C-alpha atoms as a PDB file:
ATOM      1  CA  UNK A   1       0.000   0.000   0.000  1.00  0.00           C
ATOM      2  CA  UNK A   2       1.236   3.455  -0.903  1.00  0.00           C
ATOM      3  CA  UNK A   3       2.370   6.018   1.676  1.00  0.00           C
ATOM      4  CA  UNK A   4      -0.118   8.865   2.204  1.00  0.00           C
ATOM      5  CA  UNK A   5      -0.449  11.961   4.359  1.00  0.00           C
ATOM      6  CA  UNK A   6      -3.616  13.425   2.821  1.00  0.00           C
ATOM      7  CA  UNK A   7      -6.355  11.966   0.649  1.00  0.00           C
ATOM      8  CA  UNK A   8      -9.115  13.980  -0.993  1.00  0.00           C
ATOM      9  CA  UNK A   9     -12.406  12.272  -1.817  1.00  0.00           C
ATOM     10  CA  UNK A  10     -14.588  14.002  -4.416  1.00  0.00           C
ATOM     11  CA  UNK A  11     -18.213  12.822  -4.357  1.00  0.00           C
ATOM     12  CA  UNK A  12     -21.057  13.597  -6.723  1.00  0.00           C
ATOM     13  CA  UNK A  13     -23.995  13.151  -4.307  1.00  0.00           C
ATOM     14  CA  UNK A  14     -26.692  12.852  -6.992  1.00  0.00           C
ATOM     15  CA  UNK A  15     -24.957  10.690  -9.612  1.00  0.00           C
ATOM     16  CA  UNK A  16     -26.643   7.384 -10.348  1.00  0.00           C
ATOM     17  CA  UNK A  17     -29.575   8.162  -8.069  1.00  0.00           C
ATOM     18  CA  UNK A  18     -27.940   6.295  -5.147  1.00  0.00           C
ATOM     19  CA  UNK A  19     -26.857   7.519  -1.705  1.00  0.00           C
ATOM     20  CA  UNK A  20     -23.110   7.634  -1.049  1.00  0.00           C
ATOM     21  CA  UNK A  21     -22.945   7.996   2.768  1.00  0.00           C
ATOM     22  CA  UNK A  22     -22.131   4.337   3.412  1.00  0.00           C
ATOM     23  CA  UNK A  23     -19.247   4.372   0.954  1.00  0.00           C
ATOM     24  CA  UNK A  24     -17.895   7.647   2.344  1.00  0.00           C
ATOM     25  CA  UNK A  25     -17.871   6.240   5.887  1.00  0.00           C
ATOM     26  CA  UNK A  26     -16.185   3.010   4.806  1.00  0.00           C
ATOM     27  CA  UNK A  27     -13.469   4.798   2.848  1.00  0.00           C
ATOM     28  CA  UNK A  28     -12.885   7.292   5.660  1.00  0.00           C
ATOM     29  CA  UNK A  29     -12.328   4.442   8.131  1.00  0.00           C
ATOM     30  CA  UNK A  30      -9.894   2.730   5.749  1.00  0.00           C
ATOM     31  CA  UNK A  31      -7.973   5.973   5.227  1.00  0.00           C
ATOM     32  CA  UNK A  32      -7.782   6.749   8.947  1.00  0.00           C
ATOM     33  CA  UNK A  33      -6.521   3.220   9.653  1.00  0.00           C
ATOM     34  CA  UNK A  34      -3.378   4.027   7.673  1.00  0.00           C
ATOM     35  CA  UNK A  35      -2.887   7.236   9.684  1.00  0.00           C
ATOM     36  CA  UNK A  36      -3.856   9.481   6.804  1.00  0.00           C
ATOM     37  CA  UNK A  37      -5.956  12.649   6.850  1.00  0.00           C
ATOM     38  CA  UNK A  38      -9.294  12.234   5.062  1.00  0.00           C
ATOM     39  CA  UNK A  39     -10.792  15.230   3.241  1.00  0.00           C
ATOM     40  CA  UNK A  40     -14.230  15.283   1.599  1.00  0.00           C
ATOM     41  CA  UNK A  41     -15.536  17.489  -1.206  1.00  0.00           C
ATOM     42  CA  UNK A  42     -19.063  17.200  -2.627  1.00  0.00           C
ATOM     43  CA  UNK A  43     -19.819  18.554  -6.078  1.00  0.00           C
ATOM     44  CA  UNK A  44     -22.718  20.964  -6.554  1.00  0.00           C
ATOM     45  CA  UNK A  45     -22.664  21.559 -10.297  1.00  0.00           C
ATOM     46  CA  UNK A  46     -21.452  25.136  -9.754  1.00  0.00           C
ATOM     47  CA  UNK A  47     -17.764  25.978 -10.337  1.00  0.00           C
ATOM     48  CA  UNK A  48     -16.738  22.449  -9.337  1.00  0.00           C
ATOM     49  CA  UNK A  49     -13.513  22.434 -11.343  1.00  0.00           C
ATOM     50  CA  UNK A  50     -12.337  25.716  -9.790  1.00  0.00           C
ATOM     51  CA  UNK A  51     -13.288  24.557  -6.282  1.00  0.00           C
ATOM     52  CA  UNK A  52     -11.529  21.194  -6.669  1.00  0.00           C
ATOM     53  CA  UNK A  53      -8.377  22.991  -7.833  1.00  0.00           C
ATOM     54  CA  UNK A  54      -8.532  25.152  -4.701  1.00  0.00           C
ATOM     55  CA  UNK A  55      -9.022  22.081  -2.476  1.00  0.00           C
ATOM     56  CA  UNK A  56      -6.038  20.341  -4.068  1.00  0.00           C
ATOM     57  CA  UNK A  57      -3.820  23.415  -3.702  1.00  0.00           C
ATOM     58  CA  UNK A  58      -4.797  23.778  -0.042  1.00  0.00           C
ATOM     59  CA  UNK A  59      -4.714  20.117   1.023  1.00  0.00           C
ATOM     60  CA  UNK A  60      -1.871  18.872  -1.208  1.00  0.00           C
ATOM     61  CA  UNK A  61      -3.216  15.300  -1.332  1.00  0.00           C
ATOM     62  CA  UNK A  62      -1.176  12.338  -2.531  1.00  0.00           C
ATOM     63  CA  UNK A  63      -4.276  10.915  -4.197  1.00  0.00           C
ATOM     64  CA  UNK A  64      -7.771  11.982  -5.230  1.00  0.00           C
ATOM     65  CA  UNK A  65     -10.633   9.490  -4.943  1.00  0.00           C
ATOM     66  CA  UNK A  66     -13.625  10.072  -7.225  1.00  0.00           C
ATOM     67  CA  UNK A  67     -17.150   8.823  -6.492  1.00  0.00           C
ATOM     68  CA  UNK A  68     -19.470   9.235  -9.458  1.00  0.00           C
ATOM     69  CA  UNK A  69     -19.849   8.401 -13.115  1.00  0.00           C
ATOM     70  CA  UNK A  70     -17.824   9.272 -16.190  1.00  0.00           C
ATOM     71  CA  UNK A  71     -18.927  12.903 -16.029  1.00  0.00           C
ATOM     72  CA  UNK A  72     -17.663  13.294 -12.463  1.00  0.00           C
ATOM     73  CA  UNK A  73     -14.316  11.685 -13.312  1.00  0.00           C
ATOM     74  CA  UNK A  74     -14.022  14.124 -16.213  1.00  0.00           C
ATOM     75  CA  UNK A  75     -14.570  17.105 -13.895  1.00  0.00           C
ATOM     76  CA  UNK A  76     -11.821  15.907 -11.551  1.00  0.00           C
ATOM     77  CA  UNK A  77      -9.476  15.185 -14.459  1.00  0.00           C
ATOM     78  CA  UNK A  78      -9.923  18.740 -15.747  1.00  0.00           C
ATOM     79  CA  UNK A  79      -9.083  20.072 -12.291  1.00  0.00           C
ATOM     80  CA  UNK A  80      -5.935  17.921 -12.129  1.00  0.00           C
ATOM     81  CA  UNK A  81      -4.690  18.522 -15.661  1.00  0.00           C
ATOM     82  CA  UNK A  82      -0.915  19.163 -15.724  1.00  0.00           C
ATOM     83  CA  UNK A  83      -0.576  17.798 -12.162  1.00  0.00           C
ATOM     84  CA  UNK A  84       1.212  14.493 -11.491  1.00  0.00           C
ATOM     85  CA  UNK A  85      -1.501  13.379  -9.080  1.00  0.00           C
ATOM     86  CA  UNK A  86      -3.082   9.900  -9.308  1.00  0.00           C
ATOM     87  CA  UNK A  87      -6.834   9.430  -9.113  1.00  0.00           C
ATOM     88  CA  UNK A  88      -8.888   6.411  -8.068  1.00  0.00           C
ATOM     89  CA  UNK A  89     -12.419   5.721  -9.282  1.00  0.00           C
ATOM     90  CA  UNK A  90     -15.405   4.475  -7.285  1.00  0.00           C
ATOM     91  CA  UNK A  91     -18.034   3.990 -10.021  1.00  0.00           C
ATOM     92  CA  UNK A  92     -21.263   5.534  -8.794  1.00  0.00           C
ATOM     93  CA  UNK A  93     -22.972   7.148 -11.751  1.00  0.00           C
ATOM     94  CA  UNK A  94     -25.556   6.328 -14.370  1.00  0.00           C
ATOM     95  CA  UNK A  95     -22.680   5.847 -16.827  1.00  0.00           C
ATOM     96  CA  UNK A  96     -19.505   4.166 -15.521  1.00  0.00           C
ATOM     97  CA  UNK A  97     -17.821   3.251 -18.779  1.00  0.00           C
ATOM     98  CA  UNK A  98     -14.306   4.380 -17.874  1.00  0.00           C
ATOM     99  CA  UNK A  99     -14.280   2.291 -14.683  1.00  0.00           C
ATOM    100  CA  UNK A 100     -15.590  -0.692 -16.654  1.00  0.00           C
ATOM    101  CA  UNK A 101     -12.866  -0.347 -19.284  1.00  0.00           C
ATOM    102  CA  UNK A 102     -10.136  -0.055 -16.658  1.00  0.00           C
ATOM    103  CA  UNK A 103     -11.341  -3.164 -14.814  1.00  0.00           C
ATOM    104  CA  UNK A 104     -12.269  -1.403 -11.573  1.00  0.00           C
ATOM    105  CA  UNK A 105     -13.808  -4.109  -9.314  1.00  0.00           C
ATOM    106  CA  UNK A 106     -17.513  -4.096  -8.476  1.00  0.00           C
ATOM    107  CA  UNK A 107     -17.088  -5.034  -4.802  1.00  0.00           C
ATOM    108  CA  UNK A 108     -16.508  -2.132  -2.437  1.00  0.00           C
ATOM    109  CA  UNK A 109     -13.715  -3.773  -0.425  1.00  0.00           C
ATOM    110  CA  UNK A 110     -11.716  -4.419  -3.593  1.00  0.00           C
ATOM    111  CA  UNK A 111     -12.394  -0.892  -4.835  1.00  0.00           C
ATOM    112  CA  UNK A 112     -10.865   0.505  -1.644  1.00  0.00           C
ATOM    113  CA  UNK A 113      -7.825  -1.767  -2.023  1.00  0.00           C
ATOM    114  CA  UNK A 114      -7.308  -0.522  -5.575  1.00  0.00           C
ATOM    115  CA  UNK A 115      -7.851   3.110  -4.563  1.00  0.00           C
ATOM    116  CA  UNK A 116      -5.190   2.925  -1.855  1.00  0.00           C
ATOM    117  CA  UNK A 117      -2.846   0.639  -3.781  1.00  0.00           C
ATOM    118  CA  UNK A 118       0.193   1.318  -5.932  1.00  0.00           C
ATOM    119  CA  UNK A 119      -0.789  -0.081  -9.334  1.00  0.00           C
ATOM    120  CA  UNK A 120      -1.527   2.480 -12.042  1.00  0.00           C
ATOM    121  CA  UNK A 121      -2.265   2.906 -15.718  1.00  0.00           C
ATOM    122  CA  UNK A 122      -1.583   5.951 -17.876  1.00  0.00           C
ATOM    123  CA  UNK A 123      -4.630   7.169 -19.779  1.00  0.00           C
ATOM    124  CA  UNK A 124      -4.579   9.084 -23.039  1.00  0.00           C
ATOM    125  CA  UNK A 125      -7.064  11.956 -23.053  1.00  0.00           C
ATOM    126  CA  UNK A 126      -8.845  13.621 -25.942  1.00  0.00           C
ATOM    127  CA  UNK A 127      -9.259  17.336 -26.456  1.00  0.00           C
ATOM    128  CA  UNK A 128     -12.590  17.809 -28.239  1.00  0.00           C
ATOM    129  CA  UNK A 129     -13.210  21.458 -29.083  1.00  0.00           C
ATOM    130  CA  UNK A 130     -12.773  23.100 -25.656  1.00  0.00           C
ATOM    131  CA  UNK A 131     -13.643  19.969 -23.658  1.00  0.00           C
ATOM    132  CA  UNK A 132     -11.666  17.070 -22.208  1.00  0.00           C
ATOM    133  CA  UNK A 133     -12.762  13.515 -23.041  1.00  0.00           C
ATOM    134  CA  UNK A 134     -11.466  10.502 -21.123  1.00  0.00           C
ATOM    135  CA  UNK A 135     -13.615   7.685 -22.373  1.00  0.00           C
ATOM    136  CA  UNK A 136     -16.182   8.063 -25.151  1.00  0.00           C
ATOM    137  CA  UNK A 137     -17.876  10.873 -27.002  1.00  0.00           C
ATOM    138  CA  UNK A 138     -20.496  10.705 -29.708  1.00  0.00           C
ATOM    139  CA  UNK A 139     -22.653  12.835 -31.926  1.00  0.00           C
ATOM    140  CA  UNK A 140     -26.058  11.551 -32.952  1.00  0.00           C
ATOM    141  CA  UNK A 141     -28.639   9.200 -31.503  1.00  0.00           C
ATOM    142  CA  UNK A 142     -26.954   8.304 -28.192  1.00  0.00           C
ATOM    143  CA  UNK A 143     -26.169  11.955 -27.442  1.00  0.00           C
ATOM    144  CA  UNK A 144     -29.820  12.768 -28.163  1.00  0.00           C
ATOM    145  CA  UNK A 145     -30.818  10.122 -25.605  1.00  0.00           C
ATOM    146  CA  UNK A 146     -28.466  11.628 -23.003  1.00  0.00           C
ATOM    147  CA  UNK A 147     -29.847  15.104 -23.731  1.00  0.00           C
ATOM    148  CA  UNK A 148     -33.398  13.858 -23.098  1.00  0.00           C
ATOM    149  CA  UNK A 149     -32.308  11.924 -19.989  1.00  0.00           C
ATOM    150  CA  UNK A 150     -30.718  15.014 -18.444  1.00  0.00           C
ATOM    151  CA  UNK A 151     -33.909  17.015 -19.050  1.00  0.00           C
ATOM    152  CA  UNK A 152     -36.026  14.372 -17.266  1.00  0.00           C
ATOM    153  CA  UNK A 153     -36.460  13.869 -13.516  1.00  0.00           C
ATOM    154  CA  UNK A 154     -35.756  10.117 -13.247  1.00  0.00           C
ATOM    155  CA  UNK A 155     -32.106   9.135 -12.692  1.00  0.00           C
ATOM    156  CA  UNK A 156     -30.246   5.827 -13.020  1.00  0.00           C
ATOM    157  CA  UNK A 157     -30.537   3.133 -15.701  1.00  0.00           C
ATOM    158  CA  UNK A 158     -34.338   3.217 -15.495  1.00  0.00           C
ATOM    159  CA  UNK A 159     -34.192   6.876 -16.459  1.00  0.00           C
ATOM    160  CA  UNK A 160     -32.254   5.998 -19.613  1.00  0.00           C
ATOM    161  CA  UNK A 161     -34.753   3.257 -20.429  1.00  0.00           C
ATOM    162  CA  UNK A 162     -37.671   5.670 -20.032  1.00  0.00           C
ATOM    163  CA  UNK A 163     -36.140   8.033 -22.612  1.00  0.00           C
ATOM    164  CA  UNK A 164     -35.111   5.400 -25.181  1.00  0.00           C
ATOM    165  CA  UNK A 165     -38.372   4.990 -27.090  1.00  0.00           C
ATOM    166  CA  UNK A 166     -39.259   8.734 -27.285  1.00  0.00           C
ATOM    167  CA  UNK A 167     -35.722   9.430 -28.529  1.00  0.00           C
ATOM    168  CA  UNK A 168     -35.965   6.785 -31.251  1.00  0.00           C
ATOM    169  CA  UNK A 169     -39.326   8.148 -32.387  1.00  0.00           C
ATOM    170  CA  UNK A 170     -38.408  11.852 -32.420  1.00  0.00           C
ATOM    171  CA  UNK A 171     -34.780  11.822 -33.635  1.00  0.00           C
ATOM    172  CA  UNK A 172     -34.207  12.857 -37.265  1.00  0.00           C
ATOM    173  CA  UNK A 173     -31.664  10.226 -38.318  1.00  0.00           C
ATOM    174  CA  UNK A 174     -29.790   9.250 -40.441  1.00  0.00           C
ATOM    175  CA  UNK A 175     -27.380  12.131 -39.924  1.00  0.00           C
ATOM    176  CA  UNK A 176     -24.766  13.283 -42.446  1.00  0.00           C
ATOM    177  CA  UNK A 177     -21.112  13.392 -41.334  1.00  0.00           C
ATOM    178  CA  UNK A 178     -17.960  14.714 -42.995  1.00  0.00           C
ATOM    179  CA  UNK A 179     -14.760  13.335 -41.430  1.00  0.00           C
ATOM    180  CA  UNK A 180     -11.335  14.817 -42.220  1.00  0.00           C
ATOM    181  CA  UNK A 181      -8.351  12.649 -41.237  1.00  0.00           C
ATOM    182  CA  UNK A 182      -4.732  13.025 -42.446  1.00  0.00           C
ATOM    183  CA  UNK A 183      -5.770  15.248 -45.340  1.00  0.00           C
ATOM    184  CA  UNK A 184      -8.481  12.867 -46.556  1.00  0.00           C
ATOM    185  CA  UNK A 185     -12.202  13.643 -46.361  1.00  0.00           C
ATOM    186  CA  UNK A 186     -14.817  10.929 -45.855  1.00  0.00           C
ATOM    187  CA  UNK A 187     -18.589  11.376 -46.243  1.00  0.00           C
ATOM    188  CA  UNK A 188     -20.979   9.134 -44.306  1.00  0.00           C
ATOM    189  CA  UNK A 189     -24.605   8.817 -43.296  1.00  0.00           C
ATOM    190  CA  UNK A 190     -25.506   7.111 -40.042  1.00  0.00           C
ATOM    191  CA  UNK A 191     -27.348   7.074 -36.737  1.00  0.00           C
ATOM    192  CA  UNK A 192     -24.264   7.967 -34.685  1.00  0.00           C
ATOM    193  CA  UNK A 193     -20.593   8.832 -34.908  1.00  0.00           C
ATOM    194  CA  UNK A 194     -18.528   7.798 -31.886  1.00  0.00           C
ATOM    195  CA  UNK A 195     -15.117   9.130 -30.862  1.00  0.00           C
ATOM    196  CA  UNK A 196     -13.588   6.402 -28.726  1.00  0.00           C
ATOM    197  CA  UNK A 197     -10.573   6.412 -26.427  1.00  0.00           C
ATOM    198  CA  UNK A 198     -11.722   3.130 -24.827  1.00  0.00           C
ATOM    199  CA  UNK A 199     -13.721   0.102 -25.952  1.00  0.00           C
ATOM    200  CA  UNK A 200     -17.051   0.015 -24.068  1.00  0.00           C
ATOM    201  CA  UNK A 201     -19.943   2.130 -22.888  1.00  0.00           C
ATOM    202  CA  UNK A 202     -20.975   1.837 -19.254  1.00  0.00           C
ATOM    203  CA  UNK A 203     -23.767  -0.518 -20.355  1.00  0.00           C
ATOM    204  CA  UNK A 204     -21.110  -3.032 -21.425  1.00  0.00           C
ATOM    205  CA  UNK A 205     -21.754  -2.430 -25.137  1.00  0.00           C
ATOM    206  CA  UNK A 206     -18.422  -2.905 -26.929  1.00  0.00           C
ATOM    207  CA  UNK A 207     -18.376  -0.354 -29.735  1.00  0.00           C
ATOM    208  CA  UNK A 208     -14.602  -0.156 -30.277  1.00  0.00           C
ATOM    209  CA  UNK A 209     -13.151  -3.704 -30.220  1.00  0.00           C
ATOM    210  CA  UNK A 210      -9.655  -2.600 -31.297  1.00  0.00           C
ATOM    211  CA  UNK A 211      -9.369   0.354 -28.921  1.00  0.00           C
ATOM    212  CA  UNK A 212      -6.660   0.831 -26.282  1.00  0.00           C
ATOM    213  CA  UNK A 213      -6.605   3.673 -23.773  1.00  0.00           C
ATOM    214  CA  UNK A 214      -2.832   4.182 -23.891  1.00  0.00           C
ATOM    215  CA  UNK A 215      -1.796   3.692 -27.538  1.00  0.00           C
ATOM    216  CA  UNK A 216      -1.666   7.347 -28.604  1.00  0.00           C
ATOM    217  CA  UNK A 217      -4.639   6.940 -30.951  1.00  0.00           C
ATOM    218  CA  UNK A 218      -8.412   7.122 -30.843  1.00  0.00           C
ATOM    219  CA  UNK A 219     -11.027   5.565 -33.083  1.00  0.00           C
ATOM    220  CA  UNK A 220     -13.874   7.168 -35.010  1.00  0.00           C
ATOM    221  CA  UNK A 221     -16.721   4.693 -35.480  1.00  0.00           C
ATOM    222  CA  UNK A 222     -19.576   5.520 -37.834  1.00  0.00           C
ATOM    223  CA  UNK A 223     -22.713   3.482 -37.126  1.00  0.00           C
ATOM    224  CA  UNK A 224     -24.636   3.400 -40.378  1.00  0.00           C
ATOM    225  CA  UNK A 225     -28.029   2.010 -39.398  1.00  0.00           C
ATOM    226  CA  UNK A 226     -30.202   0.878 -36.500  1.00  0.00           C
ATOM    227  CA  UNK A 227     -29.543  -2.883 -36.786  1.00  0.00           C
ATOM    228  CA  UNK A 228     -30.874  -4.500 -33.596  1.00  0.00           C
ATOM    229  CA  UNK A 229     -28.968  -7.771 -34.174  1.00  0.00           C
ATOM    230  CA  UNK A 230     -25.666  -5.912 -34.547  1.00  0.00           C
ATOM    231  CA  UNK A 231     -26.442  -3.690 -31.551  1.00  0.00           C
ATOM    232  CA  UNK A 232     -27.120  -6.741 -29.345  1.00  0.00           C
ATOM    233  CA  UNK A 233     -23.867  -8.216 -30.658  1.00  0.00           C
ATOM    234  CA  UNK A 234     -21.924  -5.391 -29.008  1.00  0.00           C
ATOM    235  CA  UNK A 235     -22.646  -7.084 -25.663  1.00  0.00           C
ATOM    236  CA  UNK A 236     -20.319  -9.969 -26.650  1.00  0.00           C
ATOM    237  CA  UNK A 237     -16.609  -9.810 -25.830  1.00  0.00           C
ATOM    238  CA  UNK A 238     -15.603 -11.081 -29.298  1.00  0.00           C
ATOM    239  CA  UNK A 239     -17.698  -8.593 -31.252  1.00  0.00           C
ATOM    240  CA  UNK A 240     -16.874  -8.031 -34.920  1.00  0.00           C
ATOM    241  CA  UNK A 241     -18.857  -5.459 -36.871  1.00  0.00           C
ATOM    242  CA  UNK A 242     -20.361  -6.032 -40.288  1.00  0.00           C
ATOM    243  CA  UNK A 243     -18.987  -3.270 -42.579  1.00  0.00           C
ATOM    244  CA  UNK A 244     -22.575  -2.480 -43.566  1.00  0.00           C
ATOM    245  CA  UNK A 245     -23.287  -1.639 -39.908  1.00  0.00           C
ATOM    246  CA  UNK A 246     -20.150   0.200 -38.748  1.00  0.00           C
ATOM    247  CA  UNK A 247     -16.881   1.586 -40.081  1.00  0.00           C
ATOM    248  CA  UNK A 248     -13.802   2.480 -38.003  1.00  0.00           C
ATOM    249  CA  UNK A 249     -11.021   5.019 -38.602  1.00  0.00           C
ATOM    250  CA  UNK A 250      -7.993   5.166 -36.244  1.00  0.00           C
ATOM    251  CA  UNK A 251      -6.118   8.467 -35.926  1.00  0.00           C
ATOM    252  CA  UNK A 252      -4.578  10.980 -33.510  1.00  0.00           C
ATOM    253  CA  UNK A 253      -6.537  14.012 -34.743  1.00  0.00           C
ATOM    254  CA  UNK A 254      -9.620  14.742 -36.837  1.00  0.00           C
ATOM    255  CA  UNK A 255     -12.203  17.322 -37.857  1.00  0.00           C
ATOM    256  CA  UNK A 256     -15.859  16.266 -38.018  1.00  0.00           C
ATOM    257  CA  UNK A 257     -18.584  18.368 -39.637  1.00  0.00           C
ATOM    258  CA  UNK A 258     -22.356  17.942 -39.884  1.00  0.00           C
ATOM    259  CA  UNK A 259     -24.836  19.630 -42.225  1.00  0.00           C
ATOM    260  CA  UNK A 260     -27.163  20.466 -39.335  1.00  0.00           C
ATOM    261  CA  UNK A 261     -26.581  20.887 -35.564  1.00  0.00           C
ATOM    262  CA  UNK A 262     -26.670  17.445 -33.911  1.00  0.00           C
ATOM    263  CA  UNK A 263     -26.660  16.412 -30.239  1.00  0.00           C
ATOM    264  CA  UNK A 264     -23.109  15.932 -28.916  1.00  0.00           C
ATOM    265  CA  UNK A 265     -22.017  14.302 -25.638  1.00  0.00           C
ATOM    266  CA  UNK A 266     -18.732  13.651 -23.844  1.00  0.00           C
ATOM    267  CA  UNK A 267     -18.254  11.006 -21.147  1.00  0.00           C
ATOM    268  CA  UNK A 268     -21.981  10.690 -20.550  1.00  0.00           C
ATOM    269  CA  UNK A 269     -22.705  14.438 -20.350  1.00  0.00           C
ATOM    270  CA  UNK A 270     -24.655  16.339 -23.009  1.00  0.00           C
ATOM    271  CA  UNK A 271     -22.566  19.277 -24.267  1.00  0.00           C
ATOM    272  CA  UNK A 272     -24.553  20.997 -27.021  1.00  0.00           C
ATOM    273  CA  UNK A 273     -26.021  20.651 -30.494  1.00  0.00           C
ATOM    274  CA  UNK A 274     -23.095  21.211 -32.835  1.00  0.00           C
ATOM    275  CA  UNK A 275     -22.028  21.159 -36.478  1.00  0.00           C
ATOM    276  CA  UNK A 276     -18.242  20.973 -36.063  1.00  0.00           C
ATOM    277  CA  UNK A 277     -15.885  19.031 -33.801  1.00  0.00           C
ATOM    278  CA  UNK A 278     -12.089  19.157 -33.655  1.00  0.00           C
ATOM    279  CA  UNK A 279     -10.374  16.245 -31.901  1.00  0.00           C
ATOM    280  CA  UNK A 280      -6.761  15.611 -30.944  1.00  0.00           C
ATOM    281  CA  UNK A 281      -5.119  13.220 -28.505  1.00  0.00           C
ATOM    282  CA  UNK A 282      -2.784  13.971 -25.600  1.00  0.00           C
ATOM    283  CA  UNK A 283      -0.810  10.833 -24.803  1.00  0.00           C
ATOM    284  CA  UNK A 284      -0.754   9.294 -21.308  1.00  0.00           C
ATOM    285  CA  UNK A 285      -1.997  12.426 -19.574  1.00  0.00           C
ATOM    286  CA  UNK A 286      -3.760  10.952 -16.541  1.00  0.00           C
ATOM    287  CA  UNK A 287      -2.570   8.472 -13.907  1.00  0.00           C
ATOM    288  CA  UNK A 288      -5.308   6.166 -12.585  1.00  0.00           C
ATOM    289  CA  UNK A 289      -5.183   3.484  -9.886  1.00  0.00           C
ATOM    290  CA  UNK A 290      -6.103   0.019 -11.216  1.00  0.00           C
ATOM    291  CA  UNK A 291      -6.159  -3.581  -9.989  1.00  0.00           C
END
């Protein structure tokens, strides 16, 4: 186990629709047992990045523990950018894709062991327009679903389910995409274009079978149609896409344009309706505790 003096725990109290008090107490006890100071910060949705930076500067922790989903991890990562400070993830959101891809255990005791341990991975991060992306971003049908979910009152996986059918009915797909990579321009129509630094969504759907989070590249996957058989196939570990369903482009930077503004999300958070996205990768920019 690593040597600590101070640990900061950042908690999103409303993520995933579940209470976090039990986890906070358990982690605090584990931290105090190793004679380390435990510090707690709860996000509010207002100036969280600025406030986390101030907490880190004041406390000078050796590690930051994050309780929440992909969106919460992204907030903490933005606060810690350019700092050599490891983070540990306790998946507690509606979307926990990054934790799933990194193999973070499901059992709380093992999560605490990982969080306080000394095994790490280096994560590439994506700069998409003015936003940081750690895991997955997309523009199209899934982002439209997230937009509708965030506007509704029901949280958790049931909330996503409740918005699925209305989104499918109301969305104006297929969308038209123009993708510029290495001086070449590709034109596609599809239901969604994903920008993937990892392999899976938090649901377990494997949309980027060849992806690695530390290889200095990301993948652009264009999903051409709403094929239920192919979509269900993403739940298999050995998924292979039919070229008529999806096409993949690997690169380290790209420009994506759309004819009309389309819903756009990053790490499970709706950003805006947009017509243009610029993407580039920053290699091994974040240090994360893993099993």
